[in-house]
N, C-alpha and C. Protein backbone atom coordinates (compact mmCIF):
# COMPACT_ATOMS: atom_id res chain seq x y z
N MET A 1 -140.45 25.08 149.56
CA MET A 1 -141.41 26.05 149.02
C MET A 1 -141.05 26.51 147.61
N ILE A 2 -139.86 26.13 147.16
CA ILE A 2 -139.47 26.37 145.78
C ILE A 2 -139.19 25.01 145.15
N ASP A 3 -139.97 24.68 144.12
CA ASP A 3 -139.81 23.41 143.43
C ASP A 3 -139.11 23.63 142.09
N ILE A 4 -138.31 22.68 141.67
CA ILE A 4 -137.66 22.77 140.37
C ILE A 4 -137.80 21.44 139.64
N GLU A 5 -138.23 21.49 138.39
CA GLU A 5 -138.32 20.32 137.53
C GLU A 5 -137.42 20.53 136.33
N LYS A 6 -136.70 19.49 135.94
CA LYS A 6 -135.79 19.57 134.80
C LYS A 6 -136.11 18.44 133.83
N SER A 7 -136.28 18.80 132.56
CA SER A 7 -136.58 17.79 131.56
C SER A 7 -136.00 18.22 130.21
N LYS A 8 -134.95 17.54 129.77
CA LYS A 8 -134.36 17.75 128.45
C LYS A 8 -134.01 19.22 128.20
N GLY A 9 -133.40 19.85 129.17
CA GLY A 9 -132.98 21.23 129.01
C GLY A 9 -133.99 22.26 129.44
N LEU A 10 -135.23 21.84 129.69
CA LEU A 10 -136.27 22.75 130.14
C LEU A 10 -136.37 22.70 131.66
N TRP A 11 -136.16 23.83 132.30
CA TRP A 11 -136.27 23.94 133.76
C TRP A 11 -137.56 24.68 134.08
N THR A 12 -138.33 24.14 135.01
CA THR A 12 -139.56 24.81 135.47
C THR A 12 -139.43 25.05 136.97
N LEU A 13 -139.37 26.32 137.33
CA LEU A 13 -139.26 26.73 138.73
C LEU A 13 -140.64 27.15 139.22
N ARG A 14 -141.07 26.58 140.33
CA ARG A 14 -142.42 26.86 140.84
C ARG A 14 -142.35 27.37 142.28
N ILE A 15 -142.94 28.53 142.51
CA ILE A 15 -143.11 29.04 143.88
C ILE A 15 -144.28 28.28 144.48
N ASN A 16 -144.03 27.55 145.56
CA ASN A 16 -145.04 26.63 146.07
C ASN A 16 -145.36 26.93 147.54
N ARG A 17 -146.04 28.04 147.73
CA ARG A 17 -146.52 28.41 149.07
C ARG A 17 -147.93 28.99 148.92
N PRO A 18 -148.83 28.24 148.33
CA PRO A 18 -150.15 28.80 147.98
C PRO A 18 -150.98 29.23 149.18
N ASP A 19 -150.73 28.63 150.34
CA ASP A 19 -151.50 29.01 151.53
C ASP A 19 -151.15 30.42 152.00
N LYS A 20 -150.02 30.96 151.53
CA LYS A 20 -149.60 32.32 151.87
C LYS A 20 -149.50 33.20 150.62
N ALA A 21 -150.31 32.88 149.62
CA ALA A 21 -150.32 33.63 148.36
C ALA A 21 -148.94 33.69 147.73
N ASN A 22 -148.15 32.63 147.95
CA ASN A 22 -146.79 32.55 147.42
C ASN A 22 -145.93 33.74 147.80
N ALA A 23 -146.21 34.31 148.99
CA ALA A 23 -145.37 35.40 149.50
C ALA A 23 -143.96 34.87 149.72
N LEU A 24 -142.99 35.70 149.44
CA LEU A 24 -141.60 35.28 149.43
C LEU A 24 -140.86 35.68 150.70
N THR A 25 -140.10 34.74 151.23
CA THR A 25 -139.23 35.01 152.36
C THR A 25 -137.79 35.13 151.86
N ALA A 26 -136.90 35.60 152.72
CA ALA A 26 -135.50 35.71 152.33
C ALA A 26 -134.91 34.35 151.93
N PRO A 27 -135.14 33.27 152.70
CA PRO A 27 -134.61 31.97 152.28
C PRO A 27 -135.17 31.50 150.93
N MET A 28 -136.45 31.79 150.65
CA MET A 28 -137.02 31.42 149.36
C MET A 28 -136.33 32.16 148.23
N LEU A 29 -136.09 33.45 148.42
CA LEU A 29 -135.42 34.24 147.39
C LEU A 29 -133.99 33.78 147.18
N GLU A 30 -133.32 33.44 148.26
CA GLU A 30 -131.95 32.93 148.13
C GLU A 30 -131.95 31.60 147.37
N GLU A 31 -132.97 30.77 147.61
CA GLU A 31 -133.06 29.50 146.91
C GLU A 31 -133.31 29.72 145.42
N ILE A 32 -134.20 30.67 145.09
CA ILE A 32 -134.43 31.00 143.68
C ILE A 32 -133.14 31.47 143.03
N TYR A 33 -132.41 32.33 143.73
CA TYR A 33 -131.15 32.83 143.20
C TYR A 33 -130.18 31.69 142.91
N GLU A 34 -130.05 30.76 143.82
CA GLU A 34 -129.13 29.64 143.64
C GLU A 34 -129.56 28.76 142.46
N ILE A 35 -130.86 28.53 142.33
CA ILE A 35 -131.35 27.72 141.22
C ILE A 35 -131.03 28.39 139.89
N VAL A 36 -131.28 29.69 139.82
CA VAL A 36 -131.02 30.42 138.57
C VAL A 36 -129.52 30.43 138.27
N GLN A 37 -128.70 30.58 139.29
CA GLN A 37 -127.25 30.53 139.09
C GLN A 37 -126.83 29.18 138.51
N ASP A 38 -127.52 28.13 138.91
CA ASP A 38 -127.21 26.78 138.42
C ASP A 38 -127.78 26.50 137.03
N ALA A 39 -128.61 27.41 136.53
CA ALA A 39 -129.33 27.17 135.28
C ALA A 39 -128.59 27.70 134.05
N GLN A 40 -127.30 27.92 134.17
CA GLN A 40 -126.54 28.47 133.05
C GLN A 40 -126.56 27.56 131.82
N ASN A 41 -126.72 26.27 132.03
CA ASN A 41 -126.76 25.33 130.91
C ASN A 41 -128.17 24.92 130.52
N ALA A 42 -129.17 25.52 131.14
CA ALA A 42 -130.55 25.23 130.76
C ALA A 42 -130.82 25.77 129.35
N ARG A 43 -131.71 25.15 128.65
CA ARG A 43 -132.08 25.62 127.30
C ARG A 43 -133.26 26.58 127.37
N ALA A 44 -134.07 26.45 128.44
CA ALA A 44 -135.19 27.36 128.67
C ALA A 44 -135.59 27.25 130.13
N LEU A 45 -136.09 28.36 130.69
CA LEU A 45 -136.53 28.40 132.08
C LEU A 45 -137.92 29.00 132.15
N ILE A 46 -138.83 28.30 132.80
CA ILE A 46 -140.18 28.81 133.06
C ILE A 46 -140.31 29.03 134.56
N ILE A 47 -140.82 30.19 134.94
CA ILE A 47 -141.07 30.51 136.35
C ILE A 47 -142.57 30.66 136.55
N THR A 48 -143.13 29.90 137.47
CA THR A 48 -144.57 29.94 137.71
C THR A 48 -144.83 29.78 139.20
N GLY A 49 -146.10 29.66 139.57
CA GLY A 49 -146.47 29.51 140.97
C GLY A 49 -147.56 28.48 141.13
N SER A 50 -147.81 28.10 142.37
CA SER A 50 -148.90 27.18 142.69
C SER A 50 -150.12 27.97 143.15
N GLY A 51 -151.30 27.42 142.93
CA GLY A 51 -152.51 28.08 143.38
C GLY A 51 -152.97 29.18 142.44
N LYS A 52 -153.65 30.17 143.01
CA LYS A 52 -154.29 31.20 142.20
C LYS A 52 -153.58 32.55 142.23
N VAL A 53 -152.39 32.60 142.88
CA VAL A 53 -151.60 33.82 142.93
C VAL A 53 -150.17 33.47 142.53
N PHE A 54 -149.58 34.24 141.63
CA PHE A 54 -148.18 33.99 141.30
C PHE A 54 -147.31 34.31 142.50
N SER A 55 -147.42 35.54 143.00
CA SER A 55 -146.74 35.90 144.25
C SER A 55 -147.25 37.24 144.73
N ALA A 56 -147.50 37.32 146.04
CA ALA A 56 -147.93 38.57 146.66
C ALA A 56 -146.75 39.46 147.01
N GLY A 57 -145.54 39.06 146.61
CA GLY A 57 -144.35 39.84 146.94
C GLY A 57 -143.74 39.36 148.23
N ALA A 58 -143.23 40.30 149.02
CA ALA A 58 -142.55 39.93 150.26
C ALA A 58 -143.54 39.44 151.31
N ASP A 59 -143.16 38.38 152.00
CA ASP A 59 -143.89 37.93 153.18
C ASP A 59 -144.00 39.10 154.16
N LEU A 60 -145.16 39.30 154.75
CA LEU A 60 -145.42 40.48 155.58
C LEU A 60 -144.44 40.60 156.74
N GLU A 61 -144.25 39.53 157.48
CA GLU A 61 -143.35 39.58 158.62
C GLU A 61 -141.90 39.78 158.18
N ALA A 62 -141.54 39.13 157.07
CA ALA A 62 -140.18 39.30 156.55
C ALA A 62 -139.96 40.72 156.05
N ALA A 63 -141.00 41.31 155.46
CA ALA A 63 -140.89 42.69 154.99
C ALA A 63 -140.64 43.63 156.15
N LYS A 64 -141.36 43.41 157.25
CA LYS A 64 -141.17 44.24 158.43
C LYS A 64 -139.76 44.10 159.00
N ALA A 65 -139.17 42.93 158.77
CA ALA A 65 -137.82 42.66 159.29
C ALA A 65 -136.72 43.14 158.34
N GLY A 66 -137.11 43.77 157.24
CA GLY A 66 -136.12 44.35 156.35
C GLY A 66 -136.05 43.76 154.96
N LEU A 67 -136.84 42.70 154.67
CA LEU A 67 -136.76 42.07 153.36
C LEU A 67 -137.18 43.01 152.24
N ALA A 68 -138.12 43.91 152.51
CA ALA A 68 -138.64 44.79 151.46
C ALA A 68 -137.55 45.65 150.83
N THR A 69 -136.49 45.93 151.58
CA THR A 69 -135.42 46.78 151.06
C THR A 69 -134.11 46.01 150.86
N SER A 70 -134.17 44.70 150.91
CA SER A 70 -132.98 43.88 150.75
C SER A 70 -132.52 43.86 149.29
N ASP A 71 -131.22 43.70 149.08
CA ASP A 71 -130.69 43.61 147.72
C ASP A 71 -130.92 42.24 147.09
N VAL A 72 -131.49 41.29 147.85
CA VAL A 72 -131.71 39.96 147.30
C VAL A 72 -132.68 40.00 146.12
N TRP A 73 -133.64 40.89 146.13
CA TRP A 73 -134.58 41.02 145.00
C TRP A 73 -133.83 41.35 143.72
N GLU A 74 -132.91 42.31 143.83
CA GLU A 74 -132.15 42.74 142.65
C GLU A 74 -131.21 41.63 142.18
N ARG A 75 -130.63 40.89 143.11
CA ARG A 75 -129.76 39.79 142.72
C ARG A 75 -130.53 38.72 141.98
N VAL A 76 -131.75 38.45 142.43
CA VAL A 76 -132.58 37.45 141.75
C VAL A 76 -132.94 37.90 140.35
N SER A 77 -133.46 39.11 140.20
CA SER A 77 -133.88 39.57 138.88
C SER A 77 -132.69 39.71 137.94
N ASP A 78 -131.57 40.18 138.45
CA ASP A 78 -130.37 40.33 137.62
C ASP A 78 -129.88 38.97 137.13
N SER A 79 -129.95 37.96 137.99
CA SER A 79 -129.49 36.63 137.59
C SER A 79 -130.40 36.04 136.52
N ILE A 80 -131.72 36.30 136.62
CA ILE A 80 -132.65 35.83 135.59
C ILE A 80 -132.38 36.54 134.27
N ALA A 81 -132.21 37.85 134.32
CA ALA A 81 -131.99 38.62 133.10
C ALA A 81 -130.71 38.21 132.38
N LYS A 82 -129.71 37.75 133.12
CA LYS A 82 -128.42 37.39 132.52
C LYS A 82 -128.36 35.96 132.01
N LEU A 83 -129.40 35.18 132.24
CA LEU A 83 -129.38 33.81 131.72
C LEU A 83 -129.30 33.84 130.19
N PRO A 84 -128.50 32.96 129.60
CA PRO A 84 -128.39 32.95 128.14
C PRO A 84 -129.56 32.29 127.43
N CYS A 85 -130.41 31.59 128.18
CA CYS A 85 -131.52 30.85 127.57
C CYS A 85 -132.81 31.68 127.57
N LEU A 86 -133.83 31.16 126.89
CA LEU A 86 -135.15 31.77 126.90
C LEU A 86 -135.77 31.62 128.28
N THR A 87 -136.33 32.71 128.79
CA THR A 87 -136.99 32.68 130.10
C THR A 87 -138.42 33.18 129.97
N ILE A 88 -139.34 32.47 130.62
CA ILE A 88 -140.77 32.80 130.52
C ILE A 88 -141.37 32.83 131.91
N ALA A 89 -142.07 33.90 132.23
CA ALA A 89 -142.86 33.98 133.45
C ALA A 89 -144.28 33.54 133.11
N ALA A 90 -144.69 32.40 133.64
CA ALA A 90 -146.05 31.88 133.44
C ALA A 90 -146.85 32.25 134.68
N LEU A 91 -147.51 33.38 134.61
CA LEU A 91 -148.15 33.98 135.79
C LEU A 91 -149.53 33.35 136.00
N ASN A 92 -149.59 32.45 136.97
CA ASN A 92 -150.81 31.70 137.26
C ASN A 92 -151.83 32.51 138.04
N GLY A 93 -151.48 33.76 138.35
CA GLY A 93 -152.38 34.64 139.10
C GLY A 93 -151.73 35.97 139.34
N THR A 94 -152.19 36.68 140.34
CA THR A 94 -151.77 38.05 140.60
C THR A 94 -150.26 38.16 140.86
N LEU A 95 -149.70 39.23 140.31
CA LEU A 95 -148.29 39.57 140.48
C LEU A 95 -148.22 40.88 141.24
N ALA A 96 -147.52 40.88 142.38
CA ALA A 96 -147.53 42.07 143.23
C ALA A 96 -146.14 42.35 143.81
N GLY A 97 -145.89 43.61 144.07
CA GLY A 97 -144.70 44.03 144.80
C GLY A 97 -143.40 43.57 144.20
N GLY A 98 -142.48 43.17 145.07
CA GLY A 98 -141.15 42.80 144.64
C GLY A 98 -141.10 41.63 143.69
N ALA A 99 -142.14 40.81 143.65
CA ALA A 99 -142.17 39.69 142.72
C ALA A 99 -142.17 40.16 141.27
N PHE A 100 -142.51 41.44 141.04
CA PHE A 100 -142.46 42.00 139.69
C PHE A 100 -141.09 41.79 139.07
N GLY A 101 -140.04 41.90 139.90
CA GLY A 101 -138.69 41.83 139.37
C GLY A 101 -138.42 40.57 138.59
N MET A 102 -138.88 39.43 139.09
CA MET A 102 -138.67 38.16 138.41
C MET A 102 -139.36 38.14 137.06
N ALA A 103 -140.60 38.62 137.01
CA ALA A 103 -141.35 38.62 135.76
C ALA A 103 -140.77 39.60 134.75
N LEU A 104 -140.40 40.79 135.21
CA LEU A 104 -139.84 41.79 134.31
C LEU A 104 -138.51 41.34 133.73
N ALA A 105 -137.77 40.53 134.48
CA ALA A 105 -136.46 40.07 134.02
C ALA A 105 -136.57 38.94 133.00
N CYS A 106 -137.74 38.34 132.88
CA CYS A 106 -137.93 37.27 131.91
C CYS A 106 -138.10 37.82 130.50
N ASP A 107 -137.86 36.96 129.52
CA ASP A 107 -138.00 37.37 128.12
C ASP A 107 -139.46 37.51 127.72
N LEU A 108 -140.33 36.63 128.24
CA LEU A 108 -141.75 36.63 127.90
C LEU A 108 -142.57 36.48 129.16
N ARG A 109 -143.80 37.01 129.12
CA ARG A 109 -144.71 36.93 130.25
C ARG A 109 -146.10 36.51 129.77
N LEU A 110 -146.60 35.44 130.34
CA LEU A 110 -147.96 34.96 130.08
C LEU A 110 -148.75 35.08 131.37
N ALA A 111 -150.06 35.25 131.27
CA ALA A 111 -150.86 35.38 132.49
C ALA A 111 -152.26 34.83 132.27
N VAL A 112 -152.89 34.41 133.36
CA VAL A 112 -154.28 33.97 133.32
C VAL A 112 -155.19 35.19 133.34
N PRO A 113 -156.45 35.06 132.88
CA PRO A 113 -157.35 36.21 132.77
C PRO A 113 -157.65 36.90 134.10
N THR A 114 -157.57 36.17 135.21
CA THR A 114 -157.93 36.75 136.51
C THR A 114 -156.76 37.44 137.20
N ALA A 115 -155.59 37.42 136.59
CA ALA A 115 -154.41 38.01 137.23
C ALA A 115 -154.57 39.53 137.37
N LYS A 116 -154.06 40.06 138.47
CA LYS A 116 -153.97 41.50 138.69
C LYS A 116 -152.49 41.86 138.84
N PHE A 117 -152.17 43.11 138.54
CA PHE A 117 -150.79 43.56 138.55
C PHE A 117 -150.69 44.87 139.33
N PHE A 118 -149.96 44.85 140.44
CA PHE A 118 -149.79 46.08 141.20
C PHE A 118 -148.49 46.04 141.98
N TYR A 119 -147.95 47.23 142.23
CA TYR A 119 -146.62 47.38 142.83
C TYR A 119 -146.71 48.58 143.76
N PRO A 120 -147.22 48.39 145.00
CA PRO A 120 -147.62 49.51 145.87
C PRO A 120 -146.48 50.18 146.64
N VAL A 121 -145.39 50.48 145.95
CA VAL A 121 -144.25 51.09 146.64
C VAL A 121 -144.54 52.51 147.11
N MET A 122 -145.35 53.24 146.37
CA MET A 122 -145.67 54.61 146.79
C MET A 122 -146.43 54.59 148.11
N ALA A 123 -147.42 53.73 148.21
CA ALA A 123 -148.24 53.66 149.42
C ALA A 123 -147.46 53.12 150.61
N LEU A 124 -146.53 52.20 150.35
CA LEU A 124 -145.80 51.55 151.44
C LEU A 124 -144.55 52.32 151.86
N GLY A 125 -144.13 53.28 151.06
CA GLY A 125 -142.97 54.08 151.42
C GLY A 125 -141.64 53.45 151.09
N TYR A 126 -141.65 52.43 150.20
CA TYR A 126 -140.41 51.79 149.77
C TYR A 126 -140.09 52.22 148.35
N LEU A 127 -138.81 52.11 147.96
CA LEU A 127 -138.44 52.28 146.57
C LEU A 127 -138.52 50.92 145.88
N PRO A 128 -138.88 50.89 144.60
CA PRO A 128 -138.81 49.61 143.87
C PRO A 128 -137.36 49.19 143.74
N GLN A 129 -137.13 47.92 143.49
CA GLN A 129 -135.76 47.50 143.26
C GLN A 129 -135.23 48.25 142.04
N PRO A 130 -133.94 48.57 142.00
CA PRO A 130 -133.41 49.53 141.03
C PRO A 130 -133.71 49.25 139.57
N SER A 131 -133.68 47.99 139.16
CA SER A 131 -133.86 47.69 137.73
C SER A 131 -135.31 47.66 137.30
N ASP A 132 -136.25 47.57 138.24
CA ASP A 132 -137.65 47.39 137.86
C ASP A 132 -138.23 48.56 137.07
N PRO A 133 -138.06 49.82 137.50
CA PRO A 133 -138.62 50.91 136.70
C PRO A 133 -138.04 50.98 135.30
N GLU A 134 -136.75 50.68 135.17
CA GLU A 134 -136.11 50.72 133.85
C GLU A 134 -136.64 49.62 132.95
N ARG A 135 -136.74 48.41 133.48
CA ARG A 135 -137.27 47.31 132.67
C ARG A 135 -138.74 47.53 132.34
N MET A 136 -139.49 48.04 133.31
CA MET A 136 -140.91 48.29 133.06
C MET A 136 -141.09 49.38 132.02
N SER A 137 -140.30 50.44 132.12
CA SER A 137 -140.40 51.54 131.14
C SER A 137 -140.05 51.06 129.74
N ALA A 138 -139.08 50.15 129.63
CA ALA A 138 -138.71 49.62 128.33
C ALA A 138 -139.86 48.84 127.70
N LEU A 139 -140.69 48.22 128.54
CA LEU A 139 -141.82 47.44 128.05
C LEU A 139 -143.04 48.29 127.74
N ILE A 140 -143.38 49.22 128.64
CA ILE A 140 -144.67 49.90 128.53
C ILE A 140 -144.56 51.42 128.47
N GLY A 141 -143.36 51.96 128.56
CA GLY A 141 -143.18 53.41 128.49
C GLY A 141 -143.19 54.06 129.86
N PRO A 142 -142.57 55.24 129.97
CA PRO A 142 -142.46 55.91 131.26
C PRO A 142 -143.79 56.29 131.90
N ALA A 143 -144.74 56.80 131.11
CA ALA A 143 -146.01 57.26 131.69
C ALA A 143 -146.79 56.10 132.30
N ARG A 144 -146.87 55.00 131.58
CA ARG A 144 -147.61 53.85 132.11
C ARG A 144 -146.89 53.23 133.30
N THR A 145 -145.56 53.30 133.30
CA THR A 145 -144.80 52.85 134.47
C THR A 145 -145.16 53.69 135.69
N LYS A 146 -145.33 54.99 135.49
CA LYS A 146 -145.70 55.87 136.60
C LYS A 146 -147.14 55.61 137.07
N ILE A 147 -147.99 55.17 136.16
CA ILE A 147 -149.36 54.81 136.56
C ILE A 147 -149.31 53.68 137.59
N ILE A 148 -148.39 52.74 137.38
CA ILE A 148 -148.28 51.60 138.30
C ILE A 148 -147.50 51.99 139.56
N LEU A 149 -146.35 52.61 139.39
CA LEU A 149 -145.46 52.85 140.53
C LEU A 149 -145.80 54.11 141.32
N MET A 150 -146.24 55.16 140.65
CA MET A 150 -146.51 56.42 141.36
C MET A 150 -147.98 56.59 141.68
N ALA A 151 -148.85 56.29 140.71
CA ALA A 151 -150.29 56.41 140.96
C ALA A 151 -150.85 55.18 141.67
N GLY A 152 -150.06 54.12 141.74
CA GLY A 152 -150.47 52.94 142.49
C GLY A 152 -151.64 52.19 141.90
N GLN A 153 -151.82 52.26 140.58
CA GLN A 153 -152.98 51.62 139.97
C GLN A 153 -152.77 50.12 139.81
N LYS A 154 -153.86 49.39 140.00
CA LYS A 154 -153.87 47.93 139.83
C LYS A 154 -154.41 47.62 138.43
N LEU A 155 -153.63 46.91 137.63
CA LEU A 155 -154.04 46.57 136.28
C LEU A 155 -154.71 45.20 136.22
N THR A 156 -155.67 45.07 135.35
CA THR A 156 -156.23 43.76 135.02
C THR A 156 -155.31 43.09 134.01
N ALA A 157 -155.54 41.81 133.76
CA ALA A 157 -154.74 41.10 132.77
C ALA A 157 -154.93 41.72 131.39
N GLN A 158 -156.15 42.11 131.06
CA GLN A 158 -156.39 42.71 129.74
C GLN A 158 -155.67 44.05 129.62
N GLU A 159 -155.69 44.86 130.67
CA GLU A 159 -154.95 46.12 130.64
C GLU A 159 -153.45 45.87 130.52
N ALA A 160 -152.96 44.87 131.25
CA ALA A 160 -151.53 44.54 131.18
C ALA A 160 -151.15 44.10 129.77
N LEU A 161 -152.04 43.36 129.11
CA LEU A 161 -151.78 42.94 127.73
C LEU A 161 -151.78 44.14 126.80
N THR A 162 -152.74 45.03 126.97
CA THR A 162 -152.83 46.23 126.14
C THR A 162 -151.59 47.11 126.32
N TYR A 163 -151.13 47.23 127.54
CA TYR A 163 -149.93 48.03 127.83
C TYR A 163 -148.67 47.41 127.24
N GLY A 164 -148.65 46.09 127.13
CA GLY A 164 -147.44 45.39 126.73
C GLY A 164 -146.66 44.83 127.91
N LEU A 165 -147.26 44.86 129.09
CA LEU A 165 -146.62 44.32 130.28
C LEU A 165 -146.56 42.79 130.23
N ILE A 166 -147.59 42.17 129.64
CA ILE A 166 -147.59 40.73 129.38
C ILE A 166 -147.77 40.52 127.89
N ASP A 167 -147.48 39.31 127.43
CA ASP A 167 -147.48 39.04 126.00
C ASP A 167 -148.67 38.22 125.53
N ARG A 168 -149.23 37.40 126.42
CA ARG A 168 -150.42 36.62 126.06
C ARG A 168 -151.24 36.34 127.31
N ILE A 169 -152.54 36.20 127.13
CA ILE A 169 -153.43 35.74 128.19
C ILE A 169 -153.83 34.31 127.86
N CYS A 170 -153.71 33.42 128.83
CA CYS A 170 -154.02 32.00 128.65
C CYS A 170 -154.97 31.55 129.75
N THR A 171 -155.76 30.55 129.47
CA THR A 171 -156.59 29.98 130.52
C THR A 171 -155.67 29.28 131.53
N PRO A 172 -156.14 29.07 132.75
CA PRO A 172 -155.30 28.34 133.72
C PRO A 172 -154.90 26.95 133.21
N GLU A 173 -155.79 26.34 132.43
CA GLU A 173 -155.52 24.99 131.94
C GLU A 173 -154.45 24.97 130.85
N THR A 174 -154.30 26.06 130.11
CA THR A 174 -153.36 26.09 128.98
C THR A 174 -152.13 26.94 129.24
N LEU A 175 -152.01 27.52 130.43
CA LEU A 175 -150.89 28.44 130.72
C LEU A 175 -149.54 27.77 130.52
N LEU A 176 -149.31 26.67 131.20
CA LEU A 176 -148.03 25.99 131.07
C LEU A 176 -147.88 25.33 129.70
N GLU A 177 -148.97 24.88 129.15
CA GLU A 177 -148.93 24.29 127.81
C GLU A 177 -148.41 25.33 126.80
N MET A 178 -148.89 26.57 126.91
CA MET A 178 -148.41 27.62 126.02
C MET A 178 -146.95 27.95 126.30
N ALA A 179 -146.57 27.98 127.58
CA ALA A 179 -145.17 28.25 127.92
C ALA A 179 -144.26 27.19 127.32
N TYR A 180 -144.66 25.91 127.43
CA TYR A 180 -143.86 24.83 126.86
C TYR A 180 -143.78 24.98 125.34
N PHE A 181 -144.89 25.33 124.72
CA PHE A 181 -144.93 25.50 123.27
C PHE A 181 -143.96 26.59 122.82
N LEU A 182 -143.93 27.70 123.57
CA LEU A 182 -143.06 28.81 123.20
C LEU A 182 -141.58 28.49 123.42
N CYS A 183 -141.31 27.47 124.21
CA CYS A 183 -139.92 27.05 124.45
C CYS A 183 -139.39 26.13 123.36
N ASP A 184 -140.26 25.62 122.50
CA ASP A 184 -139.85 24.60 121.54
C ASP A 184 -138.67 25.05 120.67
N GLY A 185 -138.76 26.26 120.16
CA GLY A 185 -137.70 26.75 119.28
C GLY A 185 -136.35 26.78 119.97
N ALA A 186 -136.33 27.30 121.20
CA ALA A 186 -135.08 27.38 121.95
C ALA A 186 -134.56 26.01 122.32
N LEU A 187 -135.46 25.09 122.63
CA LEU A 187 -135.04 23.74 123.02
C LEU A 187 -134.45 22.97 121.84
N ASN A 188 -134.88 23.31 120.63
CA ASN A 188 -134.41 22.60 119.45
C ASN A 188 -133.25 23.29 118.75
N ALA A 189 -132.90 24.49 119.20
CA ALA A 189 -131.81 25.25 118.58
C ALA A 189 -130.49 24.97 119.31
N LYS A 190 -129.40 25.31 118.66
CA LYS A 190 -128.11 25.25 119.35
C LYS A 190 -128.10 26.35 120.41
N PRO A 191 -127.62 26.04 121.62
CA PRO A 191 -127.65 27.03 122.71
C PRO A 191 -126.98 28.35 122.34
N GLU A 192 -125.85 28.29 121.62
CA GLU A 192 -125.16 29.52 121.26
C GLU A 192 -125.95 30.36 120.27
N HIS A 193 -126.76 29.69 119.43
CA HIS A 193 -127.60 30.41 118.48
C HIS A 193 -128.72 31.15 119.21
N ALA A 194 -129.36 30.44 120.15
CA ALA A 194 -130.42 31.06 120.95
C ALA A 194 -129.86 32.23 121.76
N MET A 195 -128.68 32.04 122.34
CA MET A 195 -128.07 33.10 123.15
C MET A 195 -127.76 34.33 122.30
N SER A 196 -127.26 34.13 121.09
CA SER A 196 -126.92 35.26 120.22
C SER A 196 -128.16 36.06 119.86
N ILE A 197 -129.25 35.37 119.55
CA ILE A 197 -130.48 36.08 119.22
C ILE A 197 -131.01 36.83 120.43
N LYS A 198 -130.95 36.22 121.60
CA LYS A 198 -131.40 36.90 122.82
C LYS A 198 -130.59 38.16 123.06
N GLN A 199 -129.29 38.09 122.90
CA GLN A 199 -128.44 39.25 123.12
C GLN A 199 -128.75 40.37 122.14
N MET A 200 -129.12 40.02 120.92
CA MET A 200 -129.47 41.03 119.92
C MET A 200 -130.79 41.72 120.24
N CYS A 201 -131.68 41.00 120.94
CA CYS A 201 -133.02 41.53 121.22
C CYS A 201 -133.11 42.30 122.53
N SER A 202 -132.30 41.93 123.52
CA SER A 202 -132.52 42.44 124.87
C SER A 202 -131.43 43.39 125.32
N PRO A 203 -131.80 44.63 125.72
CA PRO A 203 -130.82 45.57 126.24
C PRO A 203 -130.38 45.22 127.65
N PHE A 204 -131.03 44.22 128.29
CA PHE A 204 -130.71 43.88 129.68
C PHE A 204 -130.04 42.52 129.78
N SER A 205 -129.61 41.94 128.68
CA SER A 205 -128.97 40.62 128.75
C SER A 205 -127.53 40.75 129.24
């Protein structure tokens, strides 16, 4: 359910469970974590999904069994944030719940026009994973973060772009093409040069 493609330093990780809205189970999250841990020598990493939803967050049954409050979410997002290479979330559709952590931990976020963004922790009675409010606030400010996390509002792709939650809106046909294009600089640079620039830009590296 997690696919990985590697080509000349570019790694593309794909959540591939479209029949379940790419909902994540504990084994899927552990697999993502292991892949990211192995990606220390990658020149760029793109994270995307299959179908029309990037990820609905935790699988419902797994959430009931304790996944919603597991530390695996934080381990995954922390491992992505610490990668020395350029990381891009190519959001092929809606981003919800705990899956936010992966996107927030990336350097750049692209999304299709039909994507929605929501993180219903207030309604569900869970806390967000610890780093998510901080990373979200750094991108869009505390008040807008509270609109999502406390007021439970669902954003459209255009609203997410206006807020600064995503960086570009792309058609489904050009989403990965744009992600590949944005990786060109990092793929052609010396890894240590790209890493130094990333460290200068990101307070979470």
